[in-house]
N, C-alpha and C. Protein backbone atom coordinates (compact mmCIF):
# COMPACT_ATOMS: atom_id res chain seq x y z
N MET A 1 -15.72 -40.24 51.30
CA MET A 1 -16.20 -39.20 50.44
C MET A 1 -15.06 -38.21 50.17
N ASN A 2 -14.85 -37.84 48.92
CA ASN A 2 -13.80 -36.91 48.53
C ASN A 2 -14.35 -35.49 48.57
N LYS A 3 -13.78 -34.62 49.39
CA LYS A 3 -14.24 -33.25 49.54
C LYS A 3 -13.58 -32.29 48.55
N ARG A 4 -12.63 -32.77 47.76
CA ARG A 4 -11.90 -31.89 46.85
C ARG A 4 -12.77 -31.40 45.71
N GLN A 5 -12.60 -30.13 45.35
CA GLN A 5 -13.32 -29.55 44.22
C GLN A 5 -12.65 -29.89 42.91
N HIS A 6 -11.34 -30.10 42.93
CA HIS A 6 -10.57 -30.36 41.72
C HIS A 6 -9.85 -31.70 41.83
N GLY A 7 -9.89 -32.48 40.76
CA GLY A 7 -9.18 -33.75 40.73
C GLY A 7 -7.68 -33.54 40.81
N ARG A 8 -6.98 -34.50 41.38
CA ARG A 8 -5.53 -34.41 41.49
C ARG A 8 -4.87 -35.44 40.60
N ALA A 9 -3.72 -35.04 40.05
CA ALA A 9 -2.93 -35.92 39.19
C ALA A 9 -1.65 -36.29 39.92
N LYS A 10 -1.15 -37.50 39.66
CA LYS A 10 0.13 -37.92 40.24
C LYS A 10 1.20 -36.91 39.81
N PHE A 11 2.01 -36.48 40.76
CA PHE A 11 3.02 -35.45 40.51
C PHE A 11 4.18 -35.72 41.45
N ILE A 12 5.12 -36.54 41.02
CA ILE A 12 6.27 -36.91 41.84
C ILE A 12 7.42 -35.96 41.48
N ARG A 13 7.70 -35.06 42.39
CA ARG A 13 8.68 -34.03 42.10
C ARG A 13 9.19 -33.42 43.39
N GLU A 14 10.41 -32.88 43.36
CA GLU A 14 10.91 -32.13 44.50
C GLU A 14 10.32 -30.72 44.47
N VAL A 15 10.03 -30.20 45.64
CA VAL A 15 9.49 -28.86 45.80
C VAL A 15 10.33 -28.14 46.83
N ILE A 16 10.69 -26.90 46.53
CA ILE A 16 11.38 -26.06 47.51
C ILE A 16 10.32 -25.33 48.30
N LEU A 17 10.36 -25.49 49.60
CA LEU A 17 9.35 -24.92 50.48
C LEU A 17 10.02 -23.87 51.37
N ASP A 18 9.51 -22.67 51.33
CA ASP A 18 9.95 -21.60 52.23
C ASP A 18 8.80 -21.30 53.17
N SER A 19 9.03 -21.44 54.46
CA SER A 19 7.98 -21.14 55.43
C SER A 19 8.14 -19.71 55.92
N VAL A 20 7.09 -19.19 56.52
CA VAL A 20 7.11 -17.80 56.97
C VAL A 20 8.11 -17.56 58.10
N ASP A 21 8.58 -18.65 58.76
CA ASP A 21 9.58 -18.48 59.80
C ASP A 21 11.00 -18.41 59.22
N GLY A 22 11.10 -18.38 57.88
CA GLY A 22 12.39 -18.21 57.22
C GLY A 22 13.13 -19.50 56.93
N LYS A 23 12.56 -20.64 57.25
CA LYS A 23 13.22 -21.92 57.00
C LYS A 23 12.90 -22.42 55.60
N THR A 24 13.93 -22.97 54.94
CA THR A 24 13.78 -23.53 53.60
C THR A 24 14.05 -25.02 53.66
N ALA A 25 13.24 -25.80 52.93
CA ALA A 25 13.41 -27.25 52.88
C ALA A 25 13.08 -27.74 51.48
N ILE A 26 13.68 -28.86 51.10
CA ILE A 26 13.30 -29.54 49.87
C ILE A 26 12.48 -30.75 50.28
N ILE A 27 11.25 -30.81 49.77
CA ILE A 27 10.33 -31.88 50.13
C ILE A 27 9.81 -32.55 48.86
N LYS A 28 9.02 -33.59 49.03
CA LYS A 28 8.49 -34.35 47.90
C LYS A 28 7.00 -34.06 47.70
N ALA A 29 6.64 -33.77 46.46
CA ALA A 29 5.23 -33.68 46.08
C ALA A 29 4.79 -35.05 45.60
N HIS A 30 3.52 -35.38 45.80
CA HIS A 30 3.01 -36.64 45.28
C HIS A 30 1.76 -36.47 44.43
N ASP A 31 1.07 -35.32 44.55
CA ASP A 31 -0.04 -35.05 43.63
C ASP A 31 -0.24 -33.55 43.49
N LEU A 32 -0.96 -33.17 42.42
CA LEU A 32 -1.13 -31.77 42.07
C LEU A 32 -2.50 -31.56 41.42
N SER A 33 -3.13 -30.43 41.73
CA SER A 33 -4.35 -30.02 41.04
C SER A 33 -4.24 -28.52 40.78
N THR A 34 -5.28 -27.96 40.19
CA THR A 34 -5.26 -26.52 39.95
C THR A 34 -5.41 -25.72 41.24
N SER A 35 -5.87 -26.38 42.32
CA SER A 35 -6.08 -25.65 43.57
C SER A 35 -5.12 -26.00 44.69
N GLY A 36 -4.28 -27.04 44.51
CA GLY A 36 -3.37 -27.40 45.58
C GLY A 36 -2.50 -28.60 45.24
N MET A 37 -1.75 -29.06 46.25
CA MET A 37 -0.90 -30.23 46.06
C MET A 37 -0.74 -30.99 47.36
N GLY A 38 -0.39 -32.26 47.20
CA GLY A 38 -0.08 -33.11 48.34
C GLY A 38 1.42 -33.24 48.47
N LEU A 39 1.93 -33.09 49.67
CA LEU A 39 3.37 -33.10 49.92
C LEU A 39 3.70 -34.07 51.06
N SER A 40 4.96 -34.47 51.12
CA SER A 40 5.44 -35.33 52.20
C SER A 40 6.78 -34.82 52.68
N GLY A 41 7.00 -34.88 53.98
CA GLY A 41 8.27 -34.46 54.54
C GLY A 41 8.48 -35.05 55.92
N ILE A 42 9.66 -34.82 56.47
CA ILE A 42 9.97 -35.36 57.79
C ILE A 42 9.72 -34.35 58.91
N ALA A 43 9.68 -33.06 58.58
CA ALA A 43 9.44 -32.03 59.61
C ALA A 43 7.94 -31.84 59.78
N ILE A 44 7.50 -31.74 61.02
CA ILE A 44 6.08 -31.54 61.28
C ILE A 44 5.68 -30.14 60.82
N ARG A 45 4.50 -30.06 60.27
CA ARG A 45 3.91 -28.79 59.83
C ARG A 45 2.58 -28.63 60.55
N SER A 46 2.03 -27.43 60.49
CA SER A 46 0.77 -27.15 61.18
C SER A 46 -0.28 -26.68 60.19
N ALA A 47 -1.51 -27.16 60.36
CA ALA A 47 -2.62 -26.65 59.56
C ALA A 47 -2.71 -25.14 59.76
N GLY A 48 -2.91 -24.42 58.68
CA GLY A 48 -2.97 -22.96 58.73
C GLY A 48 -1.65 -22.28 58.42
N GLU A 49 -0.55 -23.04 58.43
CA GLU A 49 0.77 -22.47 58.15
C GLU A 49 0.82 -21.98 56.70
N LEU A 50 1.39 -20.80 56.51
CA LEU A 50 1.54 -20.22 55.18
C LEU A 50 2.93 -20.55 54.63
N LEU A 51 2.98 -20.86 53.34
CA LEU A 51 4.22 -21.30 52.70
C LEU A 51 4.39 -20.65 51.34
N ASN A 52 5.62 -20.61 50.87
CA ASN A 52 5.92 -20.30 49.48
C ASN A 52 6.53 -21.56 48.89
N LEU A 53 6.02 -21.99 47.73
CA LEU A 53 6.44 -23.21 47.07
C LEU A 53 7.06 -22.88 45.72
N LYS A 54 8.11 -23.62 45.37
CA LYS A 54 8.72 -23.46 44.06
C LYS A 54 8.98 -24.85 43.48
N PHE A 55 8.52 -25.08 42.24
CA PHE A 55 8.70 -26.38 41.60
C PHE A 55 8.73 -26.22 40.09
N ILE A 56 9.11 -27.27 39.40
CA ILE A 56 9.24 -27.27 37.95
C ILE A 56 8.08 -28.04 37.33
N LEU A 57 7.41 -27.42 36.36
CA LEU A 57 6.42 -28.11 35.54
C LEU A 57 7.06 -28.42 34.20
N ARG A 58 6.84 -29.63 33.70
CA ARG A 58 7.36 -30.03 32.39
C ARG A 58 6.19 -30.36 31.48
N MET A 59 6.14 -29.69 30.32
CA MET A 59 5.09 -29.96 29.34
C MET A 59 5.68 -29.87 27.94
N ASN A 60 5.44 -30.90 27.15
CA ASN A 60 5.88 -30.91 25.76
C ASN A 60 7.36 -30.60 25.61
N GLY A 61 8.18 -31.15 26.49
CA GLY A 61 9.62 -30.96 26.41
C GLY A 61 10.12 -29.63 26.95
N HIS A 62 9.25 -28.81 27.50
CA HIS A 62 9.64 -27.52 28.05
C HIS A 62 9.48 -27.54 29.56
N GLU A 63 10.36 -26.83 30.25
CA GLU A 63 10.28 -26.70 31.70
C GLU A 63 9.94 -25.28 32.07
N ARG A 64 9.15 -25.15 33.11
CA ARG A 64 8.77 -23.83 33.61
C ARG A 64 8.82 -23.86 35.13
N GLU A 65 9.52 -22.90 35.71
CA GLU A 65 9.56 -22.78 37.16
C GLU A 65 8.27 -22.09 37.63
N VAL A 66 7.63 -22.69 38.62
CA VAL A 66 6.38 -22.15 39.15
C VAL A 66 6.61 -21.77 40.61
N LYS A 67 6.15 -20.59 40.97
CA LYS A 67 6.21 -20.13 42.36
C LYS A 67 4.78 -19.86 42.80
N MET A 68 4.39 -20.49 43.92
CA MET A 68 3.03 -20.36 44.43
C MET A 68 3.07 -20.14 45.94
N ALA A 69 2.12 -19.36 46.42
CA ALA A 69 1.89 -19.26 47.86
C ALA A 69 0.83 -20.29 48.22
N GLY A 70 0.90 -20.83 49.41
CA GLY A 70 -0.07 -21.83 49.83
C GLY A 70 -0.31 -21.82 51.32
N GLU A 71 -1.38 -22.51 51.71
CA GLU A 71 -1.73 -22.68 53.11
C GLU A 71 -1.93 -24.17 53.37
N ILE A 72 -1.33 -24.66 54.44
CA ILE A 72 -1.51 -26.06 54.80
C ILE A 72 -2.93 -26.26 55.34
N LYS A 73 -3.66 -27.19 54.73
CA LYS A 73 -5.03 -27.46 55.11
C LYS A 73 -5.15 -28.64 56.06
N TYR A 74 -4.26 -29.63 55.95
CA TYR A 74 -4.28 -30.77 56.87
C TYR A 74 -2.89 -31.37 56.97
N VAL A 75 -2.63 -32.05 58.07
CA VAL A 75 -1.36 -32.75 58.29
C VAL A 75 -1.72 -34.14 58.82
N GLN A 76 -1.05 -35.16 58.27
CA GLN A 76 -1.31 -36.54 58.69
C GLN A 76 0.03 -37.25 58.89
N ALA A 77 0.24 -37.81 60.09
CA ALA A 77 1.46 -38.56 60.37
C ALA A 77 1.43 -39.88 59.61
N PHE A 78 2.59 -40.33 59.15
CA PHE A 78 2.72 -41.65 58.55
C PHE A 78 4.05 -42.23 58.99
N GLU A 79 4.36 -43.41 58.55
CA GLU A 79 5.50 -44.18 59.06
C GLU A 79 6.83 -43.42 59.07
N HIS A 80 7.14 -42.66 58.01
CA HIS A 80 8.45 -42.00 57.91
C HIS A 80 8.35 -40.48 57.86
N GLY A 81 7.32 -39.90 58.44
CA GLY A 81 7.19 -38.45 58.43
C GLY A 81 5.75 -38.01 58.40
N TYR A 82 5.46 -37.03 57.54
CA TYR A 82 4.13 -36.42 57.49
C TYR A 82 3.70 -36.20 56.05
N HIS A 83 2.40 -36.40 55.81
CA HIS A 83 1.76 -35.98 54.57
C HIS A 83 1.01 -34.72 54.92
N PHE A 84 0.99 -33.76 54.00
CA PHE A 84 0.16 -32.59 54.23
C PHE A 84 -0.37 -32.06 52.92
N GLY A 85 -1.56 -31.50 53.00
CA GLY A 85 -2.22 -30.93 51.83
C GLY A 85 -2.12 -29.43 51.86
N VAL A 86 -1.79 -28.85 50.71
CA VAL A 86 -1.62 -27.39 50.60
C VAL A 86 -2.64 -26.86 49.59
N ARG A 87 -3.33 -25.81 49.98
CA ARG A 87 -4.23 -25.09 49.06
C ARG A 87 -3.49 -23.87 48.55
N PHE A 88 -3.46 -23.70 47.23
CA PHE A 88 -2.80 -22.54 46.65
C PHE A 88 -3.61 -21.28 46.96
N LEU A 89 -2.90 -20.19 47.22
CA LEU A 89 -3.54 -18.91 47.53
C LEU A 89 -3.44 -17.98 46.33
């Protein structure tokens, strides 16, 4: 059963992630909705962690830098790192 309120679209893009502990990383996004995004990385993250995200949206040949605050809602280990879901704040 899917608990998401908003459908997600495939969104393969690099995202700059700034965590509240002052660390910055470039990670991969794999999906996006109006309320959050799915990300993958090699560093473990914790549910409840607050983040600042920066990424590029492209529409109709135009690019726009987007900055969003988010909270990690879940973390799941996989073969080469971690998947985690972020809810935009």
